[in-house]
């Protein structure tokens, strides 16, 4: 639009109307989100444990562990005790069992478990026990999820959300419950990266990673923390449901250890999930004694053996030969960069291309399926396993006495 002087005239009213409409839309979305969150019925605190724990620590530091006046505390913290954020801190700290006294109380007091959780003079393991109790064990939905997932790799989030709903979380709160649960697990040390995947571990393992103290409770000193997912002894192994994973392990932080962890967590365990089998690696055998004897016992007794030929490790080939002699179900895998030796190249071997991340990641699911298919066929034909030894000596078979 032009005025009499030929200059463009700005459509001020139209521009203002657009801004007003935009602001109104934003306000409407904010109001809708606030209303939605208010409608959510939660059976768990509305924040991860770390946040109210920090608030409990402020109470402890301010009052040296004694009861404190709420107004005086928040004045010291330069916060309004009546603000929404302050009220939510008090509510969440109460729901986690860290404090006594709600938003209407004049005084706030730490519970005995709350004191143990924040008192710096507490032995590390006792403090960790208190935090695990408050963050996971005392919250019913979290305790149920933890019991279901203990010892397993962290599943896909969608599966966790379904599990939370099944265990009692409302449809609207299930995803939030899972997010809070995962953050709490990590914070209290119940989720660790082992064998190339995040796994939910026992309280004993979490406590065993802490510095020693005068706390001599036997539960805290029974379990080793190697890189494998679970620790078992040959004496107590259920060989009928065990897959022994023969692989070059290497020293901690070595390339071979990282390779083994990656293959175990990304290919072997997911491929075996539908078979109801547990996977044991040599560093997961938790028993004093001659390790070679225990490894051989797993090789000759396990229902299935998966062997990784990568790196041409001599120990791997030695153990492979023993399994070939037993003529029991076996599946071979190898990274693409390692040629398969002539003596065993007639056995089907699954080749996994690890050239680069762009090549590997798109094929993860297909590699899992290929391993699952081979496992299925191996188990279905457990009495007719063909190996290089059986090819030339068909009547030769080793038997356990």
Protein backbone atom coordinates (compact mmCIF):
# COMPACT_ATOMS: atom_id res chain seq x y z
CA UNK A 1 0.00 0.00 0.00
CA UNK A 2 1.36 3.45 -0.98
CA UNK A 3 0.62 6.85 0.57
CA UNK A 4 0.39 10.06 -1.37
CA UNK A 5 4.18 10.54 -1.31
CA UNK A 6 4.69 7.19 -3.03
CA UNK A 7 6.20 5.53 0.06
CA UNK A 8 5.18 2.14 1.34
CA UNK A 9 2.92 2.24 4.38
CA UNK A 10 3.46 -0.55 6.96
CA UNK A 11 0.36 -2.54 7.84
CA UNK A 12 0.84 -1.90 11.57
CA UNK A 13 -2.46 -3.33 12.71
CA UNK A 14 -2.02 -6.57 10.76
CA UNK A 15 1.51 -7.02 12.17
CA UNK A 16 0.31 -6.40 15.74
CA UNK A 17 -2.57 -8.84 15.28
CA UNK A 18 -0.12 -11.54 14.09
CA UNK A 19 2.12 -11.02 17.12
CA UNK A 20 -0.85 -11.13 19.47
CA UNK A 21 -2.07 -14.33 17.86
CA UNK A 22 1.37 -15.91 18.18
CA UNK A 23 1.64 -14.97 21.86
CA UNK A 24 -1.85 -16.28 22.51
CA UNK A 25 -0.98 -19.59 20.85
CA UNK A 26 2.16 -19.95 22.98
CA UNK A 27 0.23 -19.13 26.14
CA UNK A 28 -2.42 -21.65 25.20
CA UNK A 29 0.20 -24.39 24.70
CA UNK A 30 1.85 -23.57 28.02
CA UNK A 31 -1.49 -23.58 29.82
CA UNK A 32 -2.40 -26.87 28.14
CA UNK A 33 0.90 -28.47 29.22
CA UNK A 34 0.49 -27.22 32.80
CA UNK A 35 -3.05 -28.57 32.90
CA UNK A 36 -1.91 -31.88 31.41
CA UNK A 37 0.80 -32.32 34.04
CA UNK A 38 -1.67 -31.51 36.78
CA UNK A 39 -4.03 -34.18 35.48
CA UNK A 40 -1.33 -36.88 35.54
CA UNK A 41 -1.74 -39.28 38.44
CA UNK A 42 1.70 -40.45 39.52
CA UNK A 43 2.58 -43.32 41.80
CA UNK A 44 6.14 -41.97 41.97
CA UNK A 45 7.84 -38.62 42.69
CA UNK A 46 7.66 -35.97 39.98
CA UNK A 47 11.46 -35.58 39.72
CA UNK A 48 14.56 -37.76 39.59
CA UNK A 49 16.07 -38.62 42.98
CA UNK A 50 19.19 -36.47 42.51
CA UNK A 51 17.26 -33.18 42.72
CA UNK A 52 15.45 -33.71 46.07
CA UNK A 53 18.60 -35.36 47.42
CA UNK A 54 20.47 -32.10 46.81
CA UNK A 55 17.70 -30.30 48.70
CA UNK A 56 18.06 -32.76 51.60
CA UNK A 57 21.80 -32.07 51.62
CA UNK A 58 21.06 -28.34 51.94
CA UNK A 59 18.81 -29.05 54.92
CA UNK A 60 21.52 -31.19 56.52
CA UNK A 61 24.26 -28.61 55.96
CA UNK A 62 22.10 -25.73 57.21
CA UNK A 63 20.88 -27.46 60.36
CA UNK A 64 23.74 -29.94 60.95
CA UNK A 65 21.20 -32.74 60.66
CA UNK A 66 18.68 -31.17 63.04
CA UNK A 67 15.14 -29.92 62.38
CA UNK A 68 15.08 -26.54 60.61
CA UNK A 69 12.56 -23.74 60.27
CA UNK A 70 11.23 -23.74 56.71
CA UNK A 71 11.17 -19.94 56.35
CA UNK A 72 14.70 -19.57 57.69
CA UNK A 73 16.00 -22.33 55.41
CA UNK A 74 14.54 -20.84 52.23
CA UNK A 75 15.70 -17.37 53.21
CA UNK A 76 19.20 -18.82 53.54
CA UNK A 77 18.80 -20.39 50.09
CA UNK A 78 17.49 -17.09 48.66
CA UNK A 79 14.27 -18.77 47.53
CA UNK A 80 10.64 -18.11 48.19
CA UNK A 81 9.14 -20.93 50.28
CA UNK A 82 5.78 -20.40 48.56
CA UNK A 83 7.01 -20.57 44.97
CA UNK A 84 5.90 -23.51 42.85
CA UNK A 85 9.48 -24.77 42.54
CA UNK A 86 10.07 -24.67 46.31
CA UNK A 87 6.80 -26.42 47.07
CA UNK A 88 7.64 -29.11 44.52
CA UNK A 89 11.05 -29.65 46.13
CA UNK A 90 9.40 -30.27 49.47
CA UNK A 91 6.79 -32.60 47.97
CA UNK A 92 9.35 -34.69 46.07
CA UNK A 93 11.72 -34.90 49.01
CA UNK A 94 8.82 -36.14 51.10
CA UNK A 95 7.69 -38.69 48.53
CA UNK A 96 11.21 -40.10 48.35
CA UNK A 97 11.24 -40.42 52.14
CA UNK A 98 14.08 -37.94 52.58
CA UNK A 99 12.23 -35.52 54.86
CA UNK A 100 9.32 -35.21 57.27
CA UNK A 101 7.02 -32.22 57.01
CA UNK A 102 5.05 -31.11 53.98
CA UNK A 103 4.43 -27.80 52.25
CA UNK A 104 2.15 -26.65 55.09
CA UNK A 105 4.63 -27.48 57.87
CA UNK A 106 6.64 -24.80 59.64
CA UNK A 107 9.59 -27.14 60.17
CA UNK A 108 11.43 -29.63 57.99
CA UNK A 109 13.26 -32.64 59.35
CA UNK A 110 15.36 -35.30 57.66
CA UNK A 111 14.29 -38.92 58.09
CA UNK A 112 16.87 -41.43 59.38
CA UNK A 113 17.35 -42.71 55.80
CA UNK A 114 17.55 -39.11 54.62
CA UNK A 115 20.38 -38.43 57.07
CA UNK A 116 22.25 -41.55 55.95
CA UNK A 117 21.85 -40.46 52.32
CA UNK A 118 23.56 -37.08 52.77
CA UNK A 119 25.76 -37.30 55.88
CA UNK A 120 29.37 -37.17 54.58
CA UNK A 121 30.62 -39.09 57.64
CA UNK A 122 28.60 -42.17 56.70
CA UNK A 123 30.52 -45.17 55.34
CA UNK A 124 30.16 -45.14 51.52
CA UNK A 125 28.33 -48.45 51.37
CA UNK A 126 25.85 -47.52 54.08
CA UNK A 127 25.13 -44.25 52.30
CA UNK A 128 24.71 -46.08 49.00
CA UNK A 129 22.30 -48.57 50.59
CA UNK A 130 20.16 -45.72 51.91
CA UNK A 131 20.06 -44.03 48.49
CA UNK A 132 19.16 -47.25 46.70
CA UNK A 133 16.40 -47.89 49.23
CA UNK A 134 14.87 -44.43 48.83
CA UNK A 135 15.35 -44.00 45.08
CA UNK A 136 14.30 -47.49 43.94
CA UNK A 137 13.25 -49.97 46.61
CA UNK A 138 10.72 -47.78 48.45
CA UNK A 139 8.98 -46.58 45.26
CA UNK A 140 6.68 -49.45 44.35
CA UNK A 141 6.67 -49.04 40.56
CA UNK A 142 10.45 -48.63 40.48
CA UNK A 143 10.97 -51.66 42.72
CA UNK A 144 8.79 -53.81 40.43
CA UNK A 145 10.62 -52.65 37.31
CA UNK A 146 13.98 -53.28 38.96
CA UNK A 147 13.02 -56.82 40.01
CA UNK A 148 11.86 -57.60 36.47
CA UNK A 149 15.00 -56.23 34.79
CA UNK A 150 17.68 -57.31 37.27
CA UNK A 151 20.66 -58.85 35.49
CA UNK A 152 19.44 -57.89 32.01
CA UNK A 153 20.48 -55.34 29.44
CA UNK A 154 18.34 -52.21 29.37
CA UNK A 155 15.54 -52.91 26.85
CA UNK A 156 14.10 -50.47 24.34
CA UNK A 157 12.22 -47.58 25.91
CA UNK A 158 8.93 -48.62 24.31
CA UNK A 159 9.20 -52.02 25.98
CA UNK A 160 9.94 -50.34 29.32
CA UNK A 161 6.91 -48.08 28.97
CA UNK A 162 4.70 -51.12 28.31
CA UNK A 163 6.19 -52.84 31.37
CA UNK A 164 5.56 -49.79 33.56
CA UNK A 165 1.92 -49.67 32.44
CA UNK A 166 1.56 -53.39 33.09
CA UNK A 167 2.99 -52.96 36.59
CA UNK A 168 0.57 -50.23 37.58
CA UNK A 169 1.65 -46.90 36.12
CA UNK A 170 -1.15 -44.94 34.48
CA UNK A 171 -1.10 -44.58 30.71
CA UNK A 172 -0.30 -40.86 31.01
CA UNK A 173 2.52 -41.37 33.50
CA UNK A 174 4.21 -44.54 32.21
CA UNK A 175 6.79 -42.79 30.02
CA UNK A 176 7.67 -40.31 32.77
CA UNK A 177 7.98 -43.20 35.23
CA UNK A 178 10.47 -44.93 32.93
CA UNK A 179 12.55 -41.78 32.44
CA UNK A 180 12.73 -41.16 36.19
CA UNK A 181 13.45 -44.83 36.89
CA UNK A 182 16.40 -44.90 34.46
CA UNK A 183 17.89 -41.69 35.84
CA UNK A 184 17.58 -43.03 39.39
CA UNK A 185 19.23 -46.33 38.44
CA UNK A 186 22.20 -44.52 36.97
CA UNK A 187 22.51 -42.14 39.89
CA UNK A 188 22.57 -44.83 42.59
CA UNK A 189 24.87 -47.13 40.59
CA UNK A 190 22.39 -49.88 39.70
CA UNK A 191 22.91 -49.46 35.96
CA UNK A 192 26.40 -50.00 34.55
CA UNK A 193 27.88 -50.36 31.09
CA UNK A 194 29.00 -53.99 30.93
CA UNK A 195 29.77 -56.16 27.91
CA UNK A 196 28.97 -53.32 25.56
CA UNK A 197 25.49 -52.56 26.91
CA UNK A 198 23.81 -50.78 29.81
CA UNK A 199 22.72 -53.41 32.32
CA UNK A 200 20.72 -53.40 35.51
CA UNK A 201 22.96 -54.87 38.19
CA UNK A 202 22.37 -56.18 41.69
CA UNK A 203 22.80 -54.02 44.75
CA UNK A 204 25.76 -56.22 45.72
CA UNK A 205 27.62 -55.30 42.53
CA UNK A 206 26.86 -51.60 42.97
CA UNK A 207 28.10 -51.68 46.57
CA UNK A 208 31.17 -53.72 45.69
CA UNK A 209 32.40 -50.89 43.46
CA UNK A 210 32.58 -48.53 46.45
CA UNK A 211 35.63 -48.05 48.68
CA UNK A 212 35.93 -50.51 51.57
CA UNK A 213 34.83 -49.34 54.99
CA UNK A 214 34.03 -50.75 58.41
CA UNK A 215 30.78 -51.97 56.89
CA UNK A 216 31.27 -55.75 56.77
CA UNK A 217 27.80 -56.83 55.70
CA UNK A 218 28.39 -60.02 53.70
CA UNK A 219 26.10 -58.97 50.86
CA UNK A 220 28.55 -56.22 49.95
CA UNK A 221 31.59 -58.41 49.44
CA UNK A 222 30.41 -61.49 47.60
CA UNK A 223 30.32 -60.47 43.97
CA UNK A 224 33.10 -59.59 41.58
CA UNK A 225 32.63 -56.91 38.93
CA UNK A 226 34.26 -58.15 35.77
CA UNK A 227 33.18 -56.98 32.38
CA UNK A 228 30.67 -59.78 31.83
CA UNK A 229 26.97 -59.44 32.32
CA UNK A 230 26.64 -62.07 35.02
CA UNK A 231 28.97 -64.07 37.23
CA UNK A 232 28.38 -67.79 37.67
CA UNK A 233 30.24 -70.86 38.80
CA UNK A 234 30.47 -74.10 36.86
CA UNK A 235 29.02 -75.90 39.87
CA UNK A 236 25.78 -73.91 39.75
CA UNK A 237 25.50 -73.34 36.00
CA UNK A 238 22.40 -74.61 34.23
CA UNK A 239 24.24 -76.02 31.24
CA UNK A 240 21.00 -76.98 29.48
CA UNK A 241 20.19 -73.26 29.13
CA UNK A 242 23.74 -71.93 28.80
CA UNK A 243 25.55 -70.60 25.76
CA UNK A 244 29.29 -70.36 26.32
CA UNK A 245 30.83 -67.52 24.33
CA UNK A 246 34.40 -68.23 23.19
CA UNK A 247 36.04 -64.97 22.23
CA UNK A 248 39.32 -63.06 22.38
CA UNK A 249 38.85 -61.04 25.55
CA UNK A 250 42.12 -59.20 26.10
CA UNK A 251 42.99 -56.90 28.98
CA UNK A 252 40.59 -54.20 30.18
CA UNK A 253 40.40 -51.24 27.75
CA UNK A 254 42.19 -53.23 25.05
CA UNK A 255 40.87 -53.31 21.48
CA UNK A 256 40.07 -57.01 21.82
CA UNK A 257 38.04 -56.45 25.01
CA UNK A 258 36.05 -53.64 23.37
CA UNK A 259 35.48 -55.83 20.32
CA UNK A 260 34.28 -58.73 22.48
CA UNK A 261 32.00 -56.48 24.52
CA UNK A 262 30.53 -55.00 21.33
CA UNK A 263 29.83 -58.38 19.73
CA UNK A 264 28.42 -59.80 22.96
CA UNK A 265 26.09 -56.90 23.72
CA UNK A 266 25.06 -56.02 20.16
CA UNK A 267 24.85 -59.41 18.43
CA UNK A 268 25.18 -62.51 20.60
CA UNK A 269 22.88 -61.71 23.51
CA UNK A 270 20.10 -60.12 21.41
CA UNK A 271 20.21 -63.08 19.02
CA UNK A 272 19.74 -65.52 21.92
CA UNK A 273 17.01 -63.58 23.71
CA UNK A 274 14.16 -65.60 22.22
CA UNK A 275 15.82 -68.92 23.12
CA UNK A 276 15.76 -68.31 26.86
CA UNK A 277 19.49 -68.93 27.14
CA UNK A 278 22.03 -67.13 29.29
CA UNK A 279 25.44 -66.25 27.87
CA UNK A 280 28.63 -66.88 29.83
CA UNK A 281 32.04 -65.57 28.84
CA UNK A 282 35.28 -66.76 30.43
CA UNK A 283 35.65 -63.64 32.57
CA UNK A 284 32.17 -64.29 33.94
CA UNK A 285 33.17 -67.51 35.68
CA UNK A 286 33.35 -66.52 39.33
CA UNK A 287 35.12 -69.34 41.15
CA UNK A 288 38.59 -69.58 42.66
CA UNK A 289 40.68 -72.33 41.17
CA UNK A 290 42.12 -73.42 37.88
CA UNK A 291 40.33 -71.30 35.29
CA UNK A 292 41.27 -73.62 32.39
CA UNK A 293 39.39 -76.54 33.99
CA UNK A 294 36.27 -74.42 34.40
CA UNK A 295 36.44 -73.12 30.83
CA UNK A 296 36.74 -76.66 29.47
CA UNK A 297 33.77 -77.71 31.58
CA UNK A 298 31.67 -75.00 29.95
CA UNK A 299 32.95 -75.96 26.49
CA UNK A 300 31.99 -79.62 26.85
CA UNK A 301 28.74 -79.24 28.83
CA UNK A 302 27.00 -76.09 27.55
CA UNK A 303 24.02 -76.63 25.29
CA UNK A 304 25.46 -74.17 22.77
CA UNK A 305 28.82 -72.54 22.06
CA UNK A 306 29.27 -69.41 19.96
CA UNK A 307 32.87 -68.78 18.96
CA UNK A 308 34.32 -65.54 17.63
CA UNK A 309 37.29 -66.22 15.34
CA UNK A 310 38.29 -62.56 15.09
CA UNK A 311 41.96 -61.67 15.74
CA UNK A 312 43.01 -65.33 15.19
CA UNK A 313 43.49 -65.78 18.93
CA UNK A 314 45.28 -69.10 19.72
CA UNK A 315 43.24 -69.74 22.86
CA UNK A 316 40.05 -69.39 20.87
CA UNK A 317 41.16 -72.00 18.32
CA UNK A 318 42.26 -74.39 21.08
CA UNK A 319 38.83 -74.15 22.73
CA UNK A 320 37.09 -74.43 19.36
CA UNK A 321 38.90 -77.71 18.67
CA UNK A 322 37.64 -79.14 21.96
CA UNK A 323 34.05 -78.28 21.05
CA UNK A 324 34.55 -79.78 17.57
CA UNK A 325 35.70 -83.00 19.19
CA UNK A 326 32.53 -83.08 21.32
CA UNK A 327 30.37 -82.65 18.19
CA UNK A 328 27.92 -80.45 20.04
CA UNK A 329 25.99 -77.40 18.69
CA UNK A 330 28.27 -74.55 17.72
CA UNK A 331 27.97 -71.28 15.79
CA UNK A 332 31.00 -69.47 14.37
CA UNK A 333 31.27 -65.71 13.80
CA UNK A 334 34.15 -63.53 12.64
CA UNK A 335 34.81 -59.93 11.65
CA UNK A 336 35.21 -59.42 7.93
CA UNK A 337 38.83 -58.28 8.12
CA UNK A 338 40.02 -61.69 9.45
CA UNK A 339 40.25 -64.53 6.90
CA UNK A 340 38.90 -67.89 8.07
CA UNK A 341 41.70 -70.48 8.35
CA UNK A 342 41.59 -73.31 5.82
CA UNK A 343 41.07 -76.06 8.41
CA UNK A 344 37.68 -74.70 9.49
CA UNK A 345 36.48 -72.69 6.50
CA UNK A 346 34.14 -75.49 5.43
CA UNK A 347 31.99 -74.76 8.47
CA UNK A 348 29.48 -71.99 7.95
CA UNK A 349 30.77 -68.81 9.62
CA UNK A 350 28.80 -65.58 9.98
CA UNK A 351 30.94 -62.69 8.72
CA UNK A 352 30.33 -59.32 10.38
CA UNK A 353 31.60 -56.25 8.55
CA UNK A 354 33.12 -53.83 11.08
CA UNK A 355 34.91 -51.72 8.48
CA UNK A 356 33.34 -48.54 9.86
CA UNK A 357 30.36 -47.41 11.89
CA UNK A 358 28.42 -46.46 8.75
CA UNK A 359 28.72 -50.02 7.46
CA UNK A 360 28.07 -51.76 10.78
CA UNK A 361 25.08 -49.97 12.33
CA UNK A 362 22.58 -50.39 9.45
CA UNK A 363 23.20 -54.16 9.50
CA UNK A 364 22.98 -54.83 13.24
CA UNK A 365 19.46 -56.26 13.05
CA UNK A 366 20.31 -58.49 10.09
CA UNK A 367 23.41 -59.85 11.84
CA UNK A 368 21.29 -60.63 14.91
CA UNK A 369 18.79 -62.46 12.71
CA UNK A 370 21.56 -64.41 10.97
CA UNK A 371 22.99 -65.55 14.29
CA UNK A 372 19.50 -66.48 15.55
CA UNK A 373 18.89 -68.55 12.43
CA UNK A 374 22.17 -70.40 12.83
CA UNK A 375 21.49 -71.01 16.52
CA UNK A 376 18.05 -72.40 15.73
CA UNK A 377 19.40 -74.83 13.16
CA UNK A 378 22.27 -75.87 15.41
CA UNK A 379 19.94 -76.67 18.30
CA UNK A 380 17.42 -78.48 16.09
CA UNK A 381 20.17 -80.77 14.80
CA UNK A 382 22.06 -81.19 18.06
CA UNK A 383 22.69 -84.89 17.43
CA UNK A 384 24.02 -84.43 13.89
CA UNK A 385 26.66 -81.73 14.32
CA UNK A 386 29.26 -81.87 11.58
CA UNK A 387 32.76 -80.58 12.23
CA UNK A 388 36.10 -80.96 10.42
CA UNK A 389 36.82 -83.88 12.75
CA UNK A 390 33.55 -85.68 11.99
CA UNK A 391 34.14 -85.22 8.28
CA UNK A 392 37.30 -87.35 8.32
CA UNK A 393 36.54 -89.52 11.35
CA UNK A 394 32.75 -89.92 11.41
CA UNK A 395 32.85 -92.59 14.13
CA UNK A 396 35.03 -90.54 16.44
CA UNK A 397 33.07 -88.88 19.20
CA UNK A 398 34.19 -87.76 22.65
CA UNK A 399 31.85 -88.65 25.48
CA UNK A 400 31.72 -87.44 29.07
CA UNK A 401 32.17 -90.20 31.57
